């Protein structure tokens, strides 16, 4: 039997988010039920169950435009590991993305990267996950000529237009979901002509609030947005920052942040703009792109 021919694979429906969420808990990941509900509604989930119907493995494909799809949530319970289930689900994801003539992207852990490389994935850039409890200093003021204000529903169409060329992703539904889910973390930076020059979003998680995505024209704008979102309510926080952004790294260290783990952004194929983190100062998270 080929590794992709798992006998008990079946779809995971959005209504089953409560049932599949324990996979995140066992893995120690930060997703909550709201995350699972959104991802399963916006993408396609499938996995494996035990004879009693308990979910033992999961995987998910999240479209980020017609030519890009994000693979995530490849989780297997301890009792089901080392049997090829995770690799089989991963290969099924890859097959589905290829069948749609799209490029597969993912954020690999240090343990996952050696699995993805032989499958043809290539490195784009490293990412550091930072943990911090809250601000130890005042929020960073925006640069001269830039104002920061809360995002409103009327801003969302412009937000998606601003985001697309700077990230290489088409994700209006993700941006809308996050902005409406946690409006206190949703901030917009504009220049004197009311042109968008940056934004930050966030979401509550199982163990910490996740800050991101953060997309901006310049790093000083990104710092002001991150600090404003963190000041809106107490932590703890996690934030996934491309390692290229040293000023953000230095500011996080000033807040007492630590980085116990990292990721490598990878793709199977070439996606225009995805390999350049110049304007991506924090990810939406490895599960959202």
C-alpha atoms as a PDB file:
ATOM      1  CA  UNK A   1       0.000   0.000   0.000  1.00  0.00           C
ATOM      2  CA  UNK A   2       1.408   3.410  -0.959  1.00  0.00           C
ATOM      3  CA  UNK A   3       1.966   5.896   1.836  1.00  0.00           C
ATOM      4  CA  UNK A   4      -0.802   8.092   0.433  1.00  0.00           C
ATOM      5  CA  UNK A   5      -3.325   5.196   0.486  1.00  0.00           C
ATOM      6  CA  UNK A   6      -4.267   5.426   4.147  1.00  0.00           C
ATOM      7  CA  UNK A   7      -7.371   3.264   4.599  1.00  0.00           C
ATOM      8  CA  UNK A   8      -9.199   5.414   7.153  1.00  0.00           C
ATOM      9  CA  UNK A   9      -8.752   8.967   5.853  1.00  0.00           C
ATOM     10  CA  UNK A  10     -11.891  11.057   5.884  1.00  0.00           C
ATOM     11  CA  UNK A  11     -12.814  14.754   5.697  1.00  0.00           C
ATOM     12  CA  UNK A  12     -12.900  16.908   8.803  1.00  0.00           C
ATOM     13  CA  UNK A  13     -15.940  19.169   8.758  1.00  0.00           C
ATOM     14  CA  UNK A  14     -16.108  22.581  10.480  1.00  0.00           C
ATOM     15  CA  UNK A  15     -18.757  21.147  12.815  1.00  0.00           C
ATOM     16  CA  UNK A  16     -16.115  18.739  14.133  1.00  0.00           C
ATOM     17  CA  UNK A  17     -13.780  21.484  15.362  1.00  0.00           C
ATOM     18  CA  UNK A  18     -14.393  20.601  19.023  1.00  0.00           C
ATOM     19  CA  UNK A  19     -13.583  16.953  18.328  1.00  0.00           C
ATOM     20  CA  UNK A  20     -10.320  17.595  16.457  1.00  0.00           C
ATOM     21  CA  UNK A  21      -9.063  20.365  18.771  1.00  0.00           C
ATOM     22  CA  UNK A  22      -7.526  17.872  21.255  1.00  0.00           C
ATOM     23  CA  UNK A  23      -4.853  17.160  18.623  1.00  0.00           C
ATOM     24  CA  UNK A  24      -3.579  20.733  19.114  1.00  0.00           C
ATOM     25  CA  UNK A  25      -3.662  20.325  22.879  1.00  0.00           C
ATOM     26  CA  UNK A  26      -1.642  17.101  22.826  1.00  0.00           C
ATOM     27  CA  UNK A  27       0.945  18.716  20.539  1.00  0.00           C
ATOM     28  CA  UNK A  28       1.199  21.770  22.826  1.00  0.00           C
ATOM     29  CA  UNK A  29       0.144  24.115  20.041  1.00  0.00           C
ATOM     30  CA  UNK A  30      -1.677  27.396  20.549  1.00  0.00           C
ATOM     31  CA  UNK A  31      -4.781  26.930  18.362  1.00  0.00           C
ATOM     32  CA  UNK A  32      -8.206  27.146  19.965  1.00  0.00           C
ATOM     33  CA  UNK A  33     -11.589  25.969  18.720  1.00  0.00           C
ATOM     34  CA  UNK A  34     -12.201  29.258  16.861  1.00  0.00           C
ATOM     35  CA  UNK A  35      -8.995  28.687  14.873  1.00  0.00           C
ATOM     36  CA  UNK A  36     -10.043  25.182  13.881  1.00  0.00           C
ATOM     37  CA  UNK A  37     -13.549  26.316  12.956  1.00  0.00           C
ATOM     38  CA  UNK A  38     -12.199  29.063  10.683  1.00  0.00           C
ATOM     39  CA  UNK A  39      -9.521  26.915   9.040  1.00  0.00           C
ATOM     40  CA  UNK A  40     -11.877  24.028   8.346  1.00  0.00           C
ATOM     41  CA  UNK A  41     -14.429  26.433   6.884  1.00  0.00           C
ATOM     42  CA  UNK A  42     -11.947  28.327   4.720  1.00  0.00           C
ATOM     43  CA  UNK A  43      -9.886  25.283   3.667  1.00  0.00           C
ATOM     44  CA  UNK A  44     -10.057  21.513   3.418  1.00  0.00           C
ATOM     45  CA  UNK A  45      -9.256  19.266   6.345  1.00  0.00           C
ATOM     46  CA  UNK A  46      -8.892  15.499   6.436  1.00  0.00           C
ATOM     47  CA  UNK A  47      -7.476  12.996   8.871  1.00  0.00           C
ATOM     48  CA  UNK A  48      -7.791   9.587  10.510  1.00  0.00           C
ATOM     49  CA  UNK A  49      -9.873   8.304  13.405  1.00  0.00           C
ATOM     50  CA  UNK A  50      -9.763   5.431  15.858  1.00  0.00           C
ATOM     51  CA  UNK A  51     -12.502   2.766  15.745  1.00  0.00           C
ATOM     52  CA  UNK A  52     -14.440   4.756  18.347  1.00  0.00           C
ATOM     53  CA  UNK A  53     -14.404   7.863  16.109  1.00  0.00           C
ATOM     54  CA  UNK A  54     -11.754   9.787  18.067  1.00  0.00           C
ATOM     55  CA  UNK A  55      -9.502  11.810  15.770  1.00  0.00           C
ATOM     56  CA  UNK A  56      -5.937  10.465  15.730  1.00  0.00           C
ATOM     57  CA  UNK A  57      -4.461  12.533  12.889  1.00  0.00           C
ATOM     58  CA  UNK A  58      -5.199  15.657  10.904  1.00  0.00           C
ATOM     59  CA  UNK A  59      -4.008  17.751   7.975  1.00  0.00           C
ATOM     60  CA  UNK A  60      -5.269  20.905   6.328  1.00  0.00           C
ATOM     61  CA  UNK A  61      -4.998  22.801   3.051  1.00  0.00           C
ATOM     62  CA  UNK A  62      -5.776  26.525   3.143  1.00  0.00           C
ATOM     63  CA  UNK A  63      -6.049  28.324  -0.247  1.00  0.00           C
ATOM     64  CA  UNK A  64      -4.185  31.636  -0.399  1.00  0.00           C
ATOM     65  CA  UNK A  65      -5.169  32.516  -3.954  1.00  0.00           C
ATOM     66  CA  UNK A  66      -5.552  30.455  -7.112  1.00  0.00           C
ATOM     67  CA  UNK A  67      -1.862  29.558  -7.313  1.00  0.00           C
ATOM     68  CA  UNK A  68      -0.867  29.122  -3.651  1.00  0.00           C
ATOM     69  CA  UNK A  69      -2.115  26.787  -0.928  1.00  0.00           C
ATOM     70  CA  UNK A  70      -0.870  26.489   2.659  1.00  0.00           C
ATOM     71  CA  UNK A  71      -0.349  23.064   4.226  1.00  0.00           C
ATOM     72  CA  UNK A  72      -0.648  22.918   7.999  1.00  0.00           C
ATOM     73  CA  UNK A  73      -2.036  21.119  11.043  1.00  0.00           C
ATOM     74  CA  UNK A  74      -0.346  17.807  10.184  1.00  0.00           C
ATOM     75  CA  UNK A  75      -0.832  16.282  13.626  1.00  0.00           C
ATOM     76  CA  UNK A  76      -0.709  12.651  14.785  1.00  0.00           C
ATOM     77  CA  UNK A  77      -1.426  11.341  18.275  1.00  0.00           C
ATOM     78  CA  UNK A  78       1.393   9.578  20.095  1.00  0.00           C
ATOM     79  CA  UNK A  79      -0.311   6.192  19.794  1.00  0.00           C
ATOM     80  CA  UNK A  80      -0.582   6.518  15.996  1.00  0.00           C
ATOM     81  CA  UNK A  81       2.920   7.868  15.249  1.00  0.00           C
ATOM     82  CA  UNK A  82       5.729   6.032  13.439  1.00  0.00           C
ATOM     83  CA  UNK A  83       3.265   4.280  11.148  1.00  0.00           C
ATOM     84  CA  UNK A  84       3.531   6.620   8.171  1.00  0.00           C
ATOM     85  CA  UNK A  85       0.246   8.384   8.917  1.00  0.00           C
ATOM     86  CA  UNK A  86       1.695  11.900   9.043  1.00  0.00           C
ATOM     87  CA  UNK A  87       3.750  11.407   5.889  1.00  0.00           C
ATOM     88  CA  UNK A  88       0.754   9.893   4.135  1.00  0.00           C
ATOM     89  CA  UNK A  89      -1.456  12.852   5.003  1.00  0.00           C
ATOM     90  CA  UNK A  90       1.269  15.291   3.968  1.00  0.00           C
ATOM     91  CA  UNK A  91       1.651  13.576   0.585  1.00  0.00           C
ATOM     92  CA  UNK A  92      -2.093  13.647   0.092  1.00  0.00           C
ATOM     93  CA  UNK A  93      -2.035  17.404   0.723  1.00  0.00           C
ATOM     94  CA  UNK A  94       0.748  17.799  -1.818  1.00  0.00           C
ATOM     95  CA  UNK A  95      -1.150  15.731  -4.398  1.00  0.00           C
ATOM     96  CA  UNK A  96      -4.273  17.848  -3.959  1.00  0.00           C
ATOM     97  CA  UNK A  97      -2.347  21.110  -4.262  1.00  0.00           C
ATOM     98  CA  UNK A  98      -0.591  19.891  -7.402  1.00  0.00           C
ATOM     99  CA  UNK A  99      -3.890  18.723  -8.887  1.00  0.00           C
ATOM    100  CA  UNK A 100      -5.114  22.304  -8.497  1.00  0.00           C
ATOM    101  CA  UNK A 101      -1.984  23.523 -10.354  1.00  0.00           C
ATOM    102  CA  UNK A 102      -0.917  25.489  -7.289  1.00  0.00           C
ATOM    103  CA  UNK A 103       2.268  25.886  -5.260  1.00  0.00           C
ATOM    104  CA  UNK A 104       2.353  24.352  -1.772  1.00  0.00           C
ATOM    105  CA  UNK A 105       3.750  26.439   1.060  1.00  0.00           C
ATOM    106  CA  UNK A 106       4.345  25.698   4.731  1.00  0.00           C
ATOM    107  CA  UNK A 107       6.313  26.774   7.792  1.00  0.00           C
ATOM    108  CA  UNK A 108       8.475  23.874   8.916  1.00  0.00           C
ATOM    109  CA  UNK A 109       9.672  23.188  12.438  1.00  0.00           C
ATOM    110  CA  UNK A 110      13.249  22.001  12.946  1.00  0.00           C
ATOM    111  CA  UNK A 111      11.896  18.457  13.207  1.00  0.00           C
ATOM    112  CA  UNK A 112       9.720  18.781  10.095  1.00  0.00           C
ATOM    113  CA  UNK A 113      12.213  20.360   7.715  1.00  0.00           C
ATOM    114  CA  UNK A 114      14.240  17.140   7.120  1.00  0.00           C
ATOM    115  CA  UNK A 115      10.984  15.479   6.042  1.00  0.00           C
ATOM    116  CA  UNK A 116      10.038  18.220   3.591  1.00  0.00           C
ATOM    117  CA  UNK A 117      13.404  18.633   1.870  1.00  0.00           C
ATOM    118  CA  UNK A 118      13.445  15.162   0.197  1.00  0.00           C
ATOM    119  CA  UNK A 119       9.912  15.850  -1.069  1.00  0.00           C
ATOM    120  CA  UNK A 120      11.193  18.810  -3.068  1.00  0.00           C
ATOM    121  CA  UNK A 121      10.435  21.711  -0.732  1.00  0.00           C
ATOM    122  CA  UNK A 122      12.991  24.529  -0.735  1.00  0.00           C
ATOM    123  CA  UNK A 123      13.920  27.016   1.977  1.00  0.00           C
ATOM    124  CA  UNK A 124      12.743  30.616   1.653  1.00  0.00           C
ATOM    125  CA  UNK A 125      13.710  32.267   4.951  1.00  0.00           C
ATOM    126  CA  UNK A 126      13.979  31.501   8.682  1.00  0.00           C
ATOM    127  CA  UNK A 127      11.462  32.705  11.260  1.00  0.00           C
ATOM    128  CA  UNK A 128      11.800  33.052  15.033  1.00  0.00           C
ATOM    129  CA  UNK A 129       8.879  32.520  17.393  1.00  0.00           C
ATOM    130  CA  UNK A 130       9.022  34.949  20.301  1.00  0.00           C
ATOM    131  CA  UNK A 131       7.221  34.697  23.645  1.00  0.00           C
ATOM    132  CA  UNK A 132       6.754  37.681  25.949  1.00  0.00           C
ATOM    133  CA  UNK A 133       4.443  38.586  28.804  1.00  0.00           C
ATOM    134  CA  UNK A 134       3.758  42.213  27.911  1.00  0.00           C
ATOM    135  CA  UNK A 135       5.265  45.634  27.389  1.00  0.00           C
ATOM    136  CA  UNK A 136       8.079  46.817  29.624  1.00  0.00           C
ATOM    137  CA  UNK A 137       8.140  50.219  27.913  1.00  0.00           C
ATOM    138  CA  UNK A 138       5.736  52.676  26.343  1.00  0.00           C
ATOM    139  CA  UNK A 139       4.234  51.904  22.945  1.00  0.00           C
ATOM    140  CA  UNK A 140       6.523  52.983  20.109  1.00  0.00           C
ATOM    141  CA  UNK A 141       5.409  56.223  18.464  1.00  0.00           C
ATOM    142  CA  UNK A 142       4.883  56.049  14.694  1.00  0.00           C
ATOM    143  CA  UNK A 143       7.379  57.825  12.415  1.00  0.00           C
ATOM    144  CA  UNK A 144       6.749  61.434  11.456  1.00  0.00           C
ATOM    145  CA  UNK A 145       3.935  61.763   8.940  1.00  0.00           C
ATOM    146  CA  UNK A 146       2.340  58.454   9.936  1.00  0.00           C
ATOM    147  CA  UNK A 147      -0.771  57.988  12.059  1.00  0.00           C
ATOM    148  CA  UNK A 148      -2.012  54.773  13.689  1.00  0.00           C
ATOM    149  CA  UNK A 149      -5.704  54.104  14.328  1.00  0.00           C
ATOM    150  CA  UNK A 150      -8.045  51.124  14.877  1.00  0.00           C
ATOM    151  CA  UNK A 151      -9.112  49.195  11.789  1.00  0.00           C
ATOM    152  CA  UNK A 152     -12.795  49.491  10.876  1.00  0.00           C
ATOM    153  CA  UNK A 153     -14.850  47.126   8.673  1.00  0.00           C
ATOM    154  CA  UNK A 154     -14.779  49.777   5.940  1.00  0.00           C
ATOM    155  CA  UNK A 155     -10.961  49.453   5.799  1.00  0.00           C
ATOM    156  CA  UNK A 156     -10.967  45.728   4.976  1.00  0.00           C
ATOM    157  CA  UNK A 157     -11.152  45.917   1.154  1.00  0.00           C
ATOM    158  CA  UNK A 158      -8.222  48.366   1.085  1.00  0.00           C
ATOM    159  CA  UNK A 159      -6.346  46.195   3.555  1.00  0.00           C
ATOM    160  CA  UNK A 160      -6.514  43.178   1.234  1.00  0.00           C
ATOM    161  CA  UNK A 161      -5.333  45.259  -1.728  1.00  0.00           C
ATOM    162  CA  UNK A 162      -2.373  46.565   0.297  1.00  0.00           C
ATOM    163  CA  UNK A 163      -1.474  43.114   1.630  1.00  0.00           C
ATOM    164  CA  UNK A 164      -1.434  41.124  -1.622  1.00  0.00           C
ATOM    165  CA  UNK A 165       1.649  42.515  -3.428  1.00  0.00           C
ATOM    166  CA  UNK A 166       3.740  42.744  -0.245  1.00  0.00           C
ATOM    167  CA  UNK A 167       3.122  39.185   0.939  1.00  0.00           C
ATOM    168  CA  UNK A 168       2.456  37.205  -2.238  1.00  0.00           C
ATOM    169  CA  UNK A 169      -0.772  35.929  -0.661  1.00  0.00           C
ATOM    170  CA  UNK A 170      -4.425  36.496  -1.482  1.00  0.00           C
ATOM    171  CA  UNK A 171      -6.091  36.225   1.917  1.00  0.00           C
ATOM    172  CA  UNK A 172      -8.989  38.692   2.296  1.00  0.00           C
ATOM    173  CA  UNK A 173     -11.053  36.168   4.255  1.00  0.00           C
ATOM    174  CA  UNK A 174      -8.223  35.645   6.769  1.00  0.00           C
ATOM    175  CA  UNK A 175      -7.700  39.371   7.245  1.00  0.00           C
ATOM    176  CA  UNK A 176     -11.434  39.951   7.694  1.00  0.00           C
ATOM    177  CA  UNK A 177     -11.751  37.072  10.158  1.00  0.00           C
ATOM    178  CA  UNK A 178      -8.890  38.302  12.338  1.00  0.00           C
ATOM    179  CA  UNK A 179      -9.907  41.964  12.237  1.00  0.00           C
ATOM    180  CA  UNK A 180     -13.465  41.190  13.301  1.00  0.00           C
ATOM    181  CA  UNK A 181     -12.483  38.499  15.799  1.00  0.00           C
ATOM    182  CA  UNK A 182     -10.068  40.658  17.802  1.00  0.00           C
ATOM    183  CA  UNK A 183     -10.743  44.335  16.939  1.00  0.00           C
ATOM    184  CA  UNK A 184      -8.660  45.513  19.879  1.00  0.00           C
ATOM    185  CA  UNK A 185      -5.539  44.073  18.214  1.00  0.00           C
ATOM    186  CA  UNK A 186      -6.375  45.433  14.738  1.00  0.00           C
ATOM    187  CA  UNK A 187      -4.512  48.657  13.933  1.00  0.00           C
ATOM    188  CA  UNK A 188      -3.869  50.536  10.702  1.00  0.00           C
ATOM    189  CA  UNK A 189      -1.024  52.915   9.812  1.00  0.00           C
ATOM    190  CA  UNK A 190      -1.621  55.635   7.228  1.00  0.00           C
ATOM    191  CA  UNK A 191       0.463  58.457   5.786  1.00  0.00           C
ATOM    192  CA  UNK A 192      -0.678  62.074   5.547  1.00  0.00           C
ATOM    193  CA  UNK A 193      -2.561  61.262   2.361  1.00  0.00           C
ATOM    194  CA  UNK A 194      -4.524  58.458   4.054  1.00  0.00           C
ATOM    195  CA  UNK A 195      -2.574  55.831   2.123  1.00  0.00           C
ATOM    196  CA  UNK A 196      -2.129  52.559   4.038  1.00  0.00           C
ATOM    197  CA  UNK A 197       1.486  52.028   5.068  1.00  0.00           C
ATOM    198  CA  UNK A 198       1.024  49.127   7.485  1.00  0.00           C
ATOM    199  CA  UNK A 199      -1.308  47.050   9.643  1.00  0.00           C
ATOM    200  CA  UNK A 200      -1.311  44.570  12.524  1.00  0.00           C
ATOM    201  CA  UNK A 201      -3.893  41.943  13.486  1.00  0.00           C
ATOM    202  CA  UNK A 202      -4.060  39.408  16.296  1.00  0.00           C
ATOM    203  CA  UNK A 203      -6.084  36.599  17.811  1.00  0.00           C
ATOM    204  CA  UNK A 204      -6.545  34.926  21.156  1.00  0.00           C
ATOM    205  CA  UNK A 205      -5.050  31.456  21.437  1.00  0.00           C
ATOM    206  CA  UNK A 206      -5.221  28.477  23.756  1.00  0.00           C
ATOM    207  CA  UNK A 207      -2.238  29.617  25.837  1.00  0.00           C
ATOM    208  CA  UNK A 208      -1.292  33.077  24.499  1.00  0.00           C
ATOM    209  CA  UNK A 209      -2.437  35.899  22.241  1.00  0.00           C
ATOM    210  CA  UNK A 210      -0.869  35.670  18.794  1.00  0.00           C
ATOM    211  CA  UNK A 211       0.205  38.982  17.249  1.00  0.00           C
ATOM    212  CA  UNK A 212       0.259  38.946  13.462  1.00  0.00           C
ATOM    213  CA  UNK A 213       0.200  39.325  10.604  1.00  0.00           C
ATOM    214  CA  UNK A 214       2.168  42.561  10.616  1.00  0.00           C
ATOM    215  CA  UNK A 215       2.771  44.049   7.174  1.00  0.00           C
ATOM    216  CA  UNK A 216       4.297  47.499   6.727  1.00  0.00           C
ATOM    217  CA  UNK A 217       6.264  49.733   4.398  1.00  0.00           C
ATOM    218  CA  UNK A 218       9.081  50.151   6.923  1.00  0.00           C
ATOM    219  CA  UNK A 219      10.325  48.589  10.149  1.00  0.00           C
ATOM    220  CA  UNK A 220       9.675  51.669  12.358  1.00  0.00           C
ATOM    221  CA  UNK A 221       6.025  51.546  11.295  1.00  0.00           C
ATOM    222  CA  UNK A 222       5.883  47.834  12.097  1.00  0.00           C
ATOM    223  CA  UNK A 223       7.333  48.426  15.557  1.00  0.00           C
ATOM    224  CA  UNK A 224       4.735  51.069  16.330  1.00  0.00           C
ATOM    225  CA  UNK A 225       1.944  48.732  15.212  1.00  0.00           C
ATOM    226  CA  UNK A 226       3.233  45.736  17.186  1.00  0.00           C
ATOM    227  CA  UNK A 227       3.619  47.766  20.366  1.00  0.00           C
ATOM    228  CA  UNK A 228       0.155  49.300  19.946  1.00  0.00           C
ATOM    229  CA  UNK A 229      -1.451  45.884  19.553  1.00  0.00           C
ATOM    230  CA  UNK A 230       0.423  44.549  22.588  1.00  0.00           C
ATOM    231  CA  UNK A 231      -0.606  47.555  24.673  1.00  0.00           C
ATOM    232  CA  UNK A 232      -4.299  47.036  23.914  1.00  0.00           C
ATOM    233  CA  UNK A 233      -4.741  44.264  26.505  1.00  0.00           C
ATOM    234  CA  UNK A 234      -2.610  42.012  28.739  1.00  0.00           C
ATOM    235  CA  UNK A 235      -0.550  39.110  27.386  1.00  0.00           C
ATOM    236  CA  UNK A 236       1.097  36.672  27.298  1.00  0.00           C
ATOM    237  CA  UNK A 237       1.952  36.967  23.607  1.00  0.00           C
ATOM    238  CA  UNK A 238       3.566  34.998  20.825  1.00  0.00           C
ATOM    239  CA  UNK A 239       4.774  36.539  17.575  1.00  0.00           C
ATOM    240  CA  UNK A 240       6.506  34.896  14.595  1.00  0.00           C
ATOM    241  CA  UNK A 241       9.085  37.269  13.081  1.00  0.00           C
ATOM    242  CA  UNK A 242      11.302  36.701  10.024  1.00  0.00           C
ATOM    243  CA  UNK A 243      14.886  36.760  11.274  1.00  0.00           C
ATOM    244  CA  UNK A 244      15.801  39.470   8.767  1.00  0.00           C
ATOM    245  CA  UNK A 245      14.125  42.126  10.947  1.00  0.00           C
ATOM    246  CA  UNK A 246      16.771  42.961  13.510  1.00  0.00           C
ATOM    247  CA  UNK A 247      15.099  46.073  14.935  1.00  0.00           C
ATOM    248  CA  UNK A 248      11.980  44.075  15.789  1.00  0.00           C
ATOM    249  CA  UNK A 249      14.191  41.409  17.335  1.00  0.00           C
ATOM    250  CA  UNK A 250      16.011  43.997  19.468  1.00  0.00           C
ATOM    251  CA  UNK A 251      12.733  45.564  20.630  1.00  0.00           C
ATOM    252  CA  UNK A 252      11.324  42.172  21.596  1.00  0.00           C
ATOM    253  CA  UNK A 253      14.444  41.399  23.612  1.00  0.00           C
ATOM    254  CA  UNK A 254      13.970  44.725  25.418  1.00  0.00           C
ATOM    255  CA  UNK A 255      10.500  43.515  26.409  1.00  0.00           C
ATOM    256  CA  UNK A 256      12.038  40.361  27.888  1.00  0.00           C
ATOM    257  CA  UNK A 257      10.965  38.145  25.006  1.00  0.00           C
ATOM    258  CA  UNK A 258      12.568  34.756  24.441  1.00  0.00           C
ATOM    259  CA  UNK A 259      12.689  32.639  21.302  1.00  0.00           C
ATOM    260  CA  UNK A 260      12.714  28.921  22.140  1.00  0.00           C
ATOM    261  CA  UNK A 261      11.915  27.729  18.628  1.00  0.00           C
ATOM    262  CA  UNK A 262      11.931  28.700  14.997  1.00  0.00           C
ATOM    263  CA  UNK A 263      10.500  27.822  11.612  1.00  0.00           C
ATOM    264  CA  UNK A 264      11.663  27.731   8.038  1.00  0.00           C
ATOM    265  CA  UNK A 265       9.283  29.058   5.401  1.00  0.00           C
ATOM    266  CA  UNK A 266       9.327  26.588   2.507  1.00  0.00           C
ATOM    267  CA  UNK A 267       7.587  26.053  -0.825  1.00  0.00           C
ATOM    268  CA  UNK A 268       7.197  23.243  -3.304  1.00  0.00           C
ATOM    269  CA  UNK A 269       7.606  25.327  -6.435  1.00  0.00           C
ATOM    270  CA  UNK A 270       7.895  29.070  -6.915  1.00  0.00           C
ATOM    271  CA  UNK A 271       5.299  31.566  -5.692  1.00  0.00           C
ATOM    272  CA  UNK A 272       5.878  35.143  -6.785  1.00  0.00           C
ATOM    273  CA  UNK A 273       6.705  37.467  -3.896  1.00  0.00           C
ATOM    274  CA  UNK A 274       6.547  34.816  -1.198  1.00  0.00           C
ATOM    275  CA  UNK A 275      10.331  34.588  -0.781  1.00  0.00           C
ATOM    276  CA  UNK A 276      10.753  38.269   0.157  1.00  0.00           C
ATOM    277  CA  UNK A 277      10.033  39.088   3.831  1.00  0.00           C
ATOM    278  CA  UNK A 278      11.009  42.766   3.456  1.00  0.00           C
ATOM    279  CA  UNK A 279       7.513  43.966   4.340  1.00  0.00           C
ATOM    280  CA  UNK A 280       6.362  40.951   6.387  1.00  0.00           C
ATOM    281  CA  UNK A 281       7.305  41.735   9.992  1.00  0.00           C
ATOM    282  CA  UNK A 282       5.192  39.006  11.604  1.00  0.00           C
ATOM    283  CA  UNK A 283       3.300  36.021  10.238  1.00  0.00           C
ATOM    284  CA  UNK A 284      -0.370  35.279  10.697  1.00  0.00           C
ATOM    285  CA  UNK A 285       0.998  32.015  12.151  1.00  0.00           C
ATOM    286  CA  UNK A 286       2.353  28.802  10.627  1.00  0.00           C
ATOM    287  CA  UNK A 287      -1.208  27.498  10.304  1.00  0.00           C
ATOM    288  CA  UNK A 288      -2.482  30.570   8.388  1.00  0.00           C
ATOM    289  CA  UNK A 289       0.509  31.659   6.304  1.00  0.00           C
END
